[in-house]
Amino acid sequence: MSAYLIEGPACISFSGGRTSGYMLKQILDAHGGALPAGVVAVFANTGKEREETLRFVHNVSSVWGVRVRWVEWRSAKPGFEEVGYNSAARAGEPFRALIDKKGMPPNWQARFCTEFLKVKAMTAFMASLEIGSAYREVIGLRHDEGRRLLKMFERNEKDGRQCVAPLAKARVVSEDIAEFWRRQPFDLGLTAGQGNCDLCFMKGKGLRKELIRQRPTSATWWIDAEQSVNGFFDRRDSYSSLAAEVRRSPELFDDANADEHDAECGLHCAEAA
């Protein structure tokens, strides 16, 4: 039986990256080009994704003819708002609202951004469909992401969730994803490390500095968020200090290992959720 034959009810977690986009296409093809009854594809927008990501999600929907449900976390009930390509937040509004609610930014010890902005937003949306809590969560983890797969299985056992990883079952690895997108009429348009929240604090210092060099104004939101609650995403390297280092050495090359954060948001931080 194909790893991509998914029975409803199920939620396909579409992060807006190439891996989960590939997974969605395989599921569509396995079902004759359309999602089966009770299976929905959901993209949770934090407001800090780059425009390329939002355009990619829109293209996936329009080119492949699949409805992708866009959701954003809200503190008030029902815990989410359904939006679309045109109405989606682009200035970090959901993320900033969460920081204000918590009175602190998330950090490496408390990565509640994924928990609220991704997991809780999608969970609340699924609850609104009145299909009950016993649904599969279809996650874009590949066969070559062994540690994250183990974390997924641990969460299933601990929390009673039903997360499944069809890519891992199909033994798909990163090279398969890259080859697939080379053959498509559209692509994400981002290099490794540029995706997810634009300057996510889980990206290494060198990578964040390189991203600030590429887009100097991208640091402004992160600096303002830290200063608004007198806190830090990463106490060792505040965003104001990173921006200052870049200004002092605008041509300096940093060791920016993009592969260290080449998992899609919600997968890299999966153990926190």
C-alpha atoms as a PDB file:
ATOM      1  CA  MET A   1       0.000   0.000   0.000  1.00  0.00           C
ATOM      2  CA  SER A   2       1.283   3.475  -0.863  1.00  0.00           C
ATOM      3  CA  ALA A   3       2.645   5.457   2.068  1.00  0.00           C
ATOM      4  CA  TYR A   4       0.661   8.397   0.731  1.00  0.00           C
ATOM      5  CA  LEU A   5      -2.809   6.878   0.995  1.00  0.00           C
ATOM      6  CA  ILE A   6      -4.156   8.846   3.943  1.00  0.00           C
ATOM      7  CA  GLU A   7      -7.539   8.091   5.457  1.00  0.00           C
ATOM      8  CA  GLY A   8      -9.548  10.851   7.076  1.00  0.00           C
ATOM      9  CA  PRO A   9      -9.925  12.450   9.403  1.00  0.00           C
ATOM     10  CA  ALA A  10      -6.417  13.861   9.003  1.00  0.00           C
ATOM     11  CA  CYS A  11      -4.569  17.162   9.049  1.00  0.00           C
ATOM     12  CA  ILE A  12      -1.678  17.589   6.616  1.00  0.00           C
ATOM     13  CA  SER A  13       0.735  20.030   8.228  1.00  0.00           C
ATOM     14  CA  PHE A  14       1.987  22.160   5.336  1.00  0.00           C
ATOM     15  CA  SER A  15       4.793  24.346   6.652  1.00  0.00           C
ATOM     16  CA  GLY A  16       5.253  26.271   3.433  1.00  0.00           C
ATOM     17  CA  GLY A  17       8.553  24.561   2.650  1.00  0.00           C
ATOM     18  CA  ARG A  18       9.725  22.258  -0.116  1.00  0.00           C
ATOM     19  CA  THR A  19       9.584  19.046   1.936  1.00  0.00           C
ATOM     20  CA  SER A  20       5.990  19.342   3.095  1.00  0.00           C
ATOM     21  CA  GLY A  21       5.056  20.679  -0.353  1.00  0.00           C
ATOM     22  CA  TYR A  22       6.495  17.528  -1.906  1.00  0.00           C
ATOM     23  CA  MET A  23       4.597  15.417   0.608  1.00  0.00           C
ATOM     24  CA  LEU A  24       1.320  17.152  -0.222  1.00  0.00           C
ATOM     25  CA  LYS A  25       1.832  16.502  -3.950  1.00  0.00           C
ATOM     26  CA  GLN A  26       2.495  12.808  -3.362  1.00  0.00           C
ATOM     27  CA  ILE A  27      -0.677  12.522  -1.289  1.00  0.00           C
ATOM     28  CA  LEU A  28      -2.663  14.283  -4.011  1.00  0.00           C
ATOM     29  CA  ASP A  29      -1.260  11.991  -6.710  1.00  0.00           C
ATOM     30  CA  ALA A  30      -1.971   8.875  -4.624  1.00  0.00           C
ATOM     31  CA  HIS A  31      -5.612   9.935  -4.420  1.00  0.00           C
ATOM     32  CA  GLY A  32      -6.099  10.830  -8.060  1.00  0.00           C
ATOM     33  CA  GLY A  33      -5.280  14.545  -7.745  1.00  0.00           C
ATOM     34  CA  ALA A  34      -7.606  15.511  -4.887  1.00  0.00           C
ATOM     35  CA  LEU A  35      -7.558  15.138  -1.122  1.00  0.00           C
ATOM     36  CA  PRO A  36      -9.920  12.451   0.159  1.00  0.00           C
ATOM     37  CA  ALA A  37     -12.885  13.283   2.366  1.00  0.00           C
ATOM     38  CA  GLY A  38     -11.929  14.368   5.842  1.00  0.00           C
ATOM     39  CA  VAL A  39      -8.324  15.225   4.943  1.00  0.00           C
ATOM     40  CA  VAL A  40      -7.342  18.894   5.039  1.00  0.00           C
ATOM     41  CA  ALA A  41      -4.062  20.693   4.312  1.00  0.00           C
ATOM     42  CA  VAL A  42      -3.290  23.450   6.809  1.00  0.00           C
ATOM     43  CA  PHE A  43      -0.666  26.206   6.767  1.00  0.00           C
ATOM     44  CA  ALA A  44      -0.135  28.090  10.048  1.00  0.00           C
ATOM     45  CA  ASN A  45       1.213  31.593   9.439  1.00  0.00           C
ATOM     46  CA  THR A  46       3.283  33.269  12.171  1.00  0.00           C
ATOM     47  CA  GLY A  47       3.513  36.588  10.345  1.00  0.00           C
ATOM     48  CA  LYS A  48       7.300  36.306  10.164  1.00  0.00           C
ATOM     49  CA  GLU A  49       7.512  34.027   7.150  1.00  0.00           C
ATOM     50  CA  ARG A  50       9.093  35.638   4.136  1.00  0.00           C
ATOM     51  CA  GLU A  51       6.932  36.697   1.224  1.00  0.00           C
ATOM     52  CA  GLU A  52       8.463  33.932  -0.871  1.00  0.00           C
ATOM     53  CA  THR A  53       6.966  31.373   1.520  1.00  0.00           C
ATOM     54  CA  LEU A  54       3.486  32.898   1.328  1.00  0.00           C
ATOM     55  CA  ARG A  55       3.669  33.021  -2.458  1.00  0.00           C
ATOM     56  CA  PHE A  56       4.820  29.399  -2.525  1.00  0.00           C
ATOM     57  CA  VAL A  57       1.847  28.252  -0.445  1.00  0.00           C
ATOM     58  CA  HIS A  58      -0.460  30.197  -2.765  1.00  0.00           C
ATOM     59  CA  ASN A  59       1.170  28.646  -5.853  1.00  0.00           C
ATOM     60  CA  VAL A  60       0.874  25.126  -4.446  1.00  0.00           C
ATOM     61  CA  SER A  61      -2.840  25.709  -3.988  1.00  0.00           C
ATOM     62  CA  SER A  62      -3.494  27.313  -7.368  1.00  0.00           C
ATOM     63  CA  VAL A  63      -1.190  25.212  -9.574  1.00  0.00           C
ATOM     64  CA  TRP A  64      -2.120  21.856  -8.047  1.00  0.00           C
ATOM     65  CA  GLY A  65      -5.765  22.700  -7.465  1.00  0.00           C
ATOM     66  CA  VAL A  66      -5.801  21.894  -3.765  1.00  0.00           C
ATOM     67  CA  ARG A  67      -7.423  23.938  -1.034  1.00  0.00           C
ATOM     68  CA  VAL A  68      -4.905  24.929   1.626  1.00  0.00           C
ATOM     69  CA  ARG A  69      -6.454  26.346   4.800  1.00  0.00           C
ATOM     70  CA  TRP A  70      -4.465  29.305   6.164  1.00  0.00           C
ATOM     71  CA  VAL A  71      -4.708  29.832   9.921  1.00  0.00           C
ATOM     72  CA  GLU A  72      -3.176  32.228  12.439  1.00  0.00           C
ATOM     73  CA  TRP A  73      -3.045  31.901  16.216  1.00  0.00           C
ATOM     74  CA  ARG A  74      -5.290  34.154  18.270  1.00  0.00           C
ATOM     75  CA  SER A  75      -5.377  34.461  22.062  1.00  0.00           C
ATOM     76  CA  ALA A  76      -9.173  34.748  22.129  1.00  0.00           C
ATOM     77  CA  LYS A  77     -11.494  31.838  21.446  1.00  0.00           C
ATOM     78  CA  PRO A  78     -11.642  29.833  19.278  1.00  0.00           C
ATOM     79  CA  GLY A  79      -7.840  30.190  19.304  1.00  0.00           C
ATOM     80  CA  PHE A  80      -7.310  30.842  15.601  1.00  0.00           C
ATOM     81  CA  GLU A  81      -8.473  32.915  12.671  1.00  0.00           C
ATOM     82  CA  GLU A  82      -8.720  31.592   9.149  1.00  0.00           C
ATOM     83  CA  VAL A  83      -7.061  33.926   6.670  1.00  0.00           C
ATOM     84  CA  GLY A  84      -5.811  33.721   3.089  1.00  0.00           C
ATOM     85  CA  TYR A  85      -2.955  34.815   0.881  1.00  0.00           C
ATOM     86  CA  ASN A  86      -4.145  38.412   0.680  1.00  0.00           C
ATOM     87  CA  SER A  87      -5.211  38.793   4.318  1.00  0.00           C
ATOM     88  CA  ALA A  88      -2.354  36.875   5.968  1.00  0.00           C
ATOM     89  CA  ALA A  89      -0.233  38.781   8.493  1.00  0.00           C
ATOM     90  CA  ARG A  90       3.065  39.969   7.079  1.00  0.00           C
ATOM     91  CA  ALA A  91       4.440  42.097   9.914  1.00  0.00           C
ATOM     92  CA  GLY A  92       4.677  39.486  12.652  1.00  0.00           C
ATOM     93  CA  GLU A  93       1.337  40.363  14.265  1.00  0.00           C
ATOM     94  CA  PRO A  94       0.479  36.874  15.617  1.00  0.00           C
ATOM     95  CA  PHE A  95       4.024  36.375  16.882  1.00  0.00           C
ATOM     96  CA  ARG A  96       4.107  39.795  18.556  1.00  0.00           C
ATOM     97  CA  ALA A  97       0.711  39.186  20.179  1.00  0.00           C
ATOM     98  CA  LEU A  98       2.058  35.960  21.674  1.00  0.00           C
ATOM     99  CA  ILE A  99       5.156  37.721  23.042  1.00  0.00           C
ATOM    100  CA  ASP A 100       2.959  40.411  24.603  1.00  0.00           C
ATOM    101  CA  LYS A 101       0.711  37.743  26.143  1.00  0.00           C
ATOM    102  CA  LYS A 102       3.645  35.841  27.616  1.00  0.00           C
ATOM    103  CA  GLY A 103       5.546  38.975  28.648  1.00  0.00           C
ATOM    104  CA  MET A 104       8.724  37.500  27.187  1.00  0.00           C
ATOM    105  CA  PRO A 105      10.127  36.253  23.903  1.00  0.00           C
ATOM    106  CA  PRO A 106      10.456  32.517  23.338  1.00  0.00           C
ATOM    107  CA  ASN A 107      13.964  31.134  23.736  1.00  0.00           C
ATOM    108  CA  TRP A 108      15.887  27.896  23.323  1.00  0.00           C
ATOM    109  CA  GLN A 109      14.600  26.612  26.675  1.00  0.00           C
ATOM    110  CA  ALA A 110      10.992  27.718  26.117  1.00  0.00           C
ATOM    111  CA  ARG A 111      10.191  27.458  22.430  1.00  0.00           C
ATOM    112  CA  PHE A 112       6.526  28.229  22.895  1.00  0.00           C
ATOM    113  CA  CYS A 113       6.330  29.981  19.528  1.00  0.00           C
ATOM    114  CA  THR A 114       5.986  26.647  17.720  1.00  0.00           C
ATOM    115  CA  GLU A 115       3.587  25.337  20.355  1.00  0.00           C
ATOM    116  CA  PHE A 116       1.191  28.274  20.031  1.00  0.00           C
ATOM    117  CA  LEU A 117       1.689  29.727  16.543  1.00  0.00           C
ATOM    118  CA  LYS A 118       1.815  26.374  14.786  1.00  0.00           C
ATOM    119  CA  VAL A 119       0.478  23.469  16.848  1.00  0.00           C
ATOM    120  CA  LYS A 120      -2.254  25.185  18.868  1.00  0.00           C
ATOM    121  CA  ALA A 121      -3.459  27.209  15.876  1.00  0.00           C
ATOM    122  CA  MET A 122      -3.884  24.058  13.779  1.00  0.00           C
ATOM    123  CA  THR A 123      -5.372  22.088  16.677  1.00  0.00           C
ATOM    124  CA  ALA A 124      -7.967  24.809  17.265  1.00  0.00           C
ATOM    125  CA  PHE A 125      -8.798  24.867  13.580  1.00  0.00           C
ATOM    126  CA  MET A 126      -9.258  21.104  13.474  1.00  0.00           C
ATOM    127  CA  ALA A 127     -11.483  21.305  16.559  1.00  0.00           C
ATOM    128  CA  SER A 128     -13.684  23.807  14.721  1.00  0.00           C
ATOM    129  CA  LEU A 129     -14.397  21.174  12.067  1.00  0.00           C
ATOM    130  CA  GLU A 130     -16.122  19.042  14.720  1.00  0.00           C
ATOM    131  CA  ILE A 131     -14.415  15.837  13.688  1.00  0.00           C
ATOM    132  CA  GLY A 132     -13.252  14.940  17.180  1.00  0.00           C
ATOM    133  CA  SER A 133      -9.726  14.671  18.537  1.00  0.00           C
ATOM    134  CA  ALA A 134      -8.896  11.283  16.994  1.00  0.00           C
ATOM    135  CA  TYR A 135      -7.391  12.466  13.716  1.00  0.00           C
ATOM    136  CA  ARG A 136      -4.019  11.820  12.104  1.00  0.00           C
ATOM    137  CA  GLU A 137      -1.415  14.566  11.942  1.00  0.00           C
ATOM    138  CA  VAL A 138       0.529  14.130   8.706  1.00  0.00           C
ATOM    139  CA  ILE A 139       4.031  15.521   9.229  1.00  0.00           C
ATOM    140  CA  GLY A 140       6.739  16.184   6.615  1.00  0.00           C
ATOM    141  CA  LEU A 141       9.597  14.285   8.213  1.00  0.00           C
ATOM    142  CA  ARG A 142      11.924  12.461   5.827  1.00  0.00           C
ATOM    143  CA  HIS A 143      13.630   9.091   6.193  1.00  0.00           C
ATOM    144  CA  ASP A 144      16.979  10.850   6.826  1.00  0.00           C
ATOM    145  CA  GLU A 145      15.655  12.780   9.846  1.00  0.00           C
ATOM    146  CA  GLY A 146      16.009   9.951  12.314  1.00  0.00           C
ATOM    147  CA  ARG A 147      16.246  11.976  15.529  1.00  0.00           C
ATOM    148  CA  ARG A 148      13.135  13.989  14.757  1.00  0.00           C
ATOM    149  CA  LEU A 149      11.258  10.829  13.840  1.00  0.00           C
ATOM    150  CA  LEU A 150      12.114   9.343  17.228  1.00  0.00           C
ATOM    151  CA  LYS A 151      10.823  12.507  18.891  1.00  0.00           C
ATOM    152  CA  MET A 152       7.593  12.197  16.923  1.00  0.00           C
ATOM    153  CA  PHE A 153       7.083   8.605  18.053  1.00  0.00           C
ATOM    154  CA  GLU A 154       7.810   9.615  21.657  1.00  0.00           C
ATOM    155  CA  ARG A 155       5.161  12.354  21.472  1.00  0.00           C
ATOM    156  CA  ASN A 156       2.658   9.909  20.038  1.00  0.00           C
ATOM    157  CA  GLU A 157       3.163   7.580  22.974  1.00  0.00           C
ATOM    158  CA  LYS A 158       3.321  10.312  25.607  1.00  0.00           C
ATOM    159  CA  ASP A 159       0.490  12.568  24.424  1.00  0.00           C
ATOM    160  CA  GLY A 160      -1.742  10.123  22.586  1.00  0.00           C
ATOM    161  CA  ARG A 161      -1.272  11.928  19.278  1.00  0.00           C
ATOM    162  CA  GLN A 162      -1.469  10.185  15.915  1.00  0.00           C
ATOM    163  CA  CYS A 163       1.395  11.792  14.007  1.00  0.00           C
ATOM    164  CA  VAL A 164       2.442   9.938  10.859  1.00  0.00           C
ATOM    165  CA  ALA A 165       5.348  10.579   8.502  1.00  0.00           C
ATOM    166  CA  PRO A 166       4.627   9.170   5.038  1.00  0.00           C
ATOM    167  CA  LEU A 167       7.911  10.502   3.626  1.00  0.00           C
ATOM    168  CA  ALA A 168       9.866   8.459   6.134  1.00  0.00           C
ATOM    169  CA  LYS A 169       7.755   5.396   5.357  1.00  0.00           C
ATOM    170  CA  ALA A 170       8.485   5.920   1.647  1.00  0.00           C
ATOM    171  CA  ARG A 171      12.221   6.310   2.479  1.00  0.00           C
ATOM    172  CA  VAL A 172      12.379   9.783   0.948  1.00  0.00           C
ATOM    173  CA  VAL A 173      15.600  11.740   1.589  1.00  0.00           C
ATOM    174  CA  SER A 174      16.632  15.336   0.931  1.00  0.00           C
ATOM    175  CA  GLU A 175      18.070  14.570  -2.523  1.00  0.00           C
ATOM    176  CA  ASP A 176      14.666  13.283  -3.629  1.00  0.00           C
ATOM    177  CA  ILE A 177      13.041  16.555  -2.598  1.00  0.00           C
ATOM    178  CA  ALA A 178      15.628  18.648  -4.466  1.00  0.00           C
ATOM    179  CA  GLU A 179      15.268  16.587  -7.647  1.00  0.00           C
ATOM    180  CA  PHE A 180      11.470  16.881  -7.539  1.00  0.00           C
ATOM    181  CA  TRP A 181      11.505  20.677  -7.336  1.00  0.00           C
ATOM    182  CA  ARG A 182      14.015  20.984 -10.177  1.00  0.00           C
ATOM    183  CA  ARG A 183      11.300  19.505 -12.417  1.00  0.00           C
ATOM    184  CA  GLN A 184       8.440  21.755 -11.283  1.00  0.00           C
ATOM    185  CA  PRO A 185       7.205  24.937 -13.020  1.00  0.00           C
ATOM    186  CA  PHE A 186       7.485  26.894  -9.746  1.00  0.00           C
ATOM    187  CA  ASP A 187       9.611  26.742  -6.611  1.00  0.00           C
ATOM    188  CA  LEU A 188      10.006  28.267  -3.163  1.00  0.00           C
ATOM    189  CA  GLY A 189      12.737  30.639  -4.294  1.00  0.00           C
ATOM    190  CA  LEU A 190      14.676  30.521  -1.017  1.00  0.00           C
ATOM    191  CA  THR A 191      18.010  28.934  -0.217  1.00  0.00           C
ATOM    192  CA  ALA A 192      18.671  26.747   2.813  1.00  0.00           C
ATOM    193  CA  GLY A 193      18.484  28.821   5.986  1.00  0.00           C
ATOM    194  CA  GLN A 194      16.368  31.628   4.523  1.00  0.00           C
ATOM    195  CA  GLY A 195      13.022  29.999   5.206  1.00  0.00           C
ATOM    196  CA  ASN A 196      10.744  29.734   8.239  1.00  0.00           C
ATOM    197  CA  CYS A 197      10.613  32.828  10.450  1.00  0.00           C
ATOM    198  CA  ASP A 198      13.128  35.072   8.745  1.00  0.00           C
ATOM    199  CA  LEU A 199      15.566  35.429  11.674  1.00  0.00           C
ATOM    200  CA  CYS A 200      14.438  32.561  13.908  1.00  0.00           C
ATOM    201  CA  PHE A 201      16.542  32.465  17.079  1.00  0.00           C
ATOM    202  CA  MET A 202      17.130  28.738  16.534  1.00  0.00           C
ATOM    203  CA  LYS A 203      19.291  29.586  13.542  1.00  0.00           C
ATOM    204  CA  GLY A 204      22.965  29.809  14.462  1.00  0.00           C
ATOM    205  CA  LYS A 205      24.635  33.136  15.132  1.00  0.00           C
ATOM    206  CA  GLY A 206      26.655  33.066  11.914  1.00  0.00           C
ATOM    207  CA  LEU A 207      23.587  32.315   9.818  1.00  0.00           C
ATOM    208  CA  ARG A 208      21.536  35.070  11.452  1.00  0.00           C
ATOM    209  CA  LYS A 209      24.317  37.588  10.850  1.00  0.00           C
ATOM    210  CA  GLU A 210      24.567  36.551   7.207  1.00  0.00           C
ATOM    211  CA  LEU A 211      20.791  36.917   6.821  1.00  0.00           C
ATOM    212  CA  ILE A 212      20.977  40.397   8.360  1.00  0.00           C
ATOM    213  CA  ARG A 213      23.701  41.288   5.846  1.00  0.00           C
ATOM    214  CA  GLN A 214      21.419  40.177   3.050  1.00  0.00           C
ATOM    215  CA  ARG A 215      18.399  42.094   4.415  1.00  0.00           C
ATOM    216  CA  PRO A 216      19.525  44.649   7.043  1.00  0.00           C
ATOM    217  CA  THR A 217      15.981  45.815   7.885  1.00  0.00           C
ATOM    218  CA  SER A 218      14.949  42.269   8.824  1.00  0.00           C
ATOM    219  CA  ALA A 219      16.512  42.713  12.273  1.00  0.00           C
ATOM    220  CA  THR A 220      14.238  45.646  13.209  1.00  0.00           C
ATOM    221  CA  TRP A 221      11.205  43.541  14.177  1.00  0.00           C
ATOM    222  CA  TRP A 222      13.280  41.214  16.344  1.00  0.00           C
ATOM    223  CA  ILE A 223      15.040  44.095  18.090  1.00  0.00           C
ATOM    224  CA  ASP A 224      11.723  45.829  18.786  1.00  0.00           C
ATOM    225  CA  ALA A 225      10.192  42.583  20.098  1.00  0.00           C
ATOM    226  CA  GLU A 226      13.052  42.093  22.558  1.00  0.00           C
ATOM    227  CA  GLN A 227      12.992  45.683  23.749  1.00  0.00           C
ATOM    228  CA  SER A 228       9.195  45.754  24.125  1.00  0.00           C
ATOM    229  CA  VAL A 229       9.337  43.213  26.983  1.00  0.00           C
ATOM    230  CA  ASN A 230      12.931  43.843  28.082  1.00  0.00           C
ATOM    231  CA  GLY A 231      13.851  40.272  27.183  1.00  0.00           C
ATOM    232  CA  PHE A 232      15.881  38.190  24.782  1.00  0.00           C
ATOM    233  CA  PHE A 233      15.319  35.406  22.305  1.00  0.00           C
ATOM    234  CA  ASP A 234      18.964  34.474  22.878  1.00  0.00           C
ATOM    235  CA  ARG A 235      20.639  36.148  25.867  1.00  0.00           C
ATOM    236  CA  ARG A 236      24.085  35.426  24.424  1.00  0.00           C
ATOM    237  CA  ASP A 237      23.365  37.290  21.189  1.00  0.00           C
ATOM    238  CA  SER A 238      20.613  39.904  21.278  1.00  0.00           C
ATOM    239  CA  TYR A 239      19.380  41.023  17.888  1.00  0.00           C
ATOM    240  CA  SER A 240      20.597  44.556  18.509  1.00  0.00           C
ATOM    241  CA  SER A 241      24.113  43.206  19.149  1.00  0.00           C
ATOM    242  CA  LEU A 242      23.968  41.038  16.028  1.00  0.00           C
ATOM    243  CA  ALA A 243      22.900  44.017  13.918  1.00  0.00           C
ATOM    244  CA  ALA A 244      25.675  46.113  15.459  1.00  0.00           C
ATOM    245  CA  GLU A 245      28.275  43.446  14.626  1.00  0.00           C
ATOM    246  CA  VAL A 246      27.085  43.401  11.027  1.00  0.00           C
ATOM    247  CA  ARG A 247      27.280  47.184  10.799  1.00  0.00           C
ATOM    248  CA  ARG A 248      30.858  47.125  12.109  1.00  0.00           C
ATOM    249  CA  SER A 249      31.921  44.409   9.666  1.00  0.00           C
ATOM    250  CA  PRO A 250      29.537  44.542   6.706  1.00  0.00           C
ATOM    251  CA  GLU A 251      31.862  42.547   4.430  1.00  0.00           C
ATOM    252  CA  LEU A 252      33.000  39.942   6.952  1.00  0.00           C
ATOM    253  CA  PHE A 253      32.133  36.355   6.102  1.00  0.00           C
ATOM    254  CA  ASP A 254      30.667  34.377   8.983  1.00  0.00           C
ATOM    255  CA  ASP A 255      30.488  30.627   9.306  1.00  0.00           C
ATOM    256  CA  ALA A 256      26.827  30.445   8.342  1.00  0.00           C
ATOM    257  CA  ASN A 257      25.901  26.765   8.372  1.00  0.00           C
ATOM    258  CA  ALA A 258      22.444  26.785   6.822  1.00  0.00           C
ATOM    259  CA  ASP A 259      22.095  23.029   7.192  1.00  0.00           C
ATOM    260  CA  GLU A 260      21.883  23.390  10.953  1.00  0.00           C
ATOM    261  CA  HIS A 261      18.381  24.806  10.522  1.00  0.00           C
ATOM    262  CA  ASP A 262      17.289  23.260   7.262  1.00  0.00           C
ATOM    263  CA  ALA A 263      14.201  21.678   8.805  1.00  0.00           C
ATOM    264  CA  GLU A 264      10.867  23.339   8.288  1.00  0.00           C
ATOM    265  CA  CYS A 265       9.383  25.303  11.174  1.00  0.00           C
ATOM    266  CA  GLY A 266       7.466  23.056  13.495  1.00  0.00           C
ATOM    267  CA  LEU A 267       9.781  20.163  12.686  1.00  0.00           C
ATOM    268  CA  HIS A 268      13.050  21.665  13.899  1.00  0.00           C
ATOM    269  CA  CYS A 269      11.310  22.558  17.155  1.00  0.00           C
ATOM    270  CA  ALA A 270       9.060  19.515  17.212  1.00  0.00           C
ATOM    271  CA  GLU A 271      10.280  18.313  20.578  1.00  0.00           C
ATOM    272  CA  ALA A 272       9.112  21.610  22.117  1.00  0.00           C
ATOM    273  CA  ALA A 273       5.565  21.036  20.948  1.00  0.00           C
END
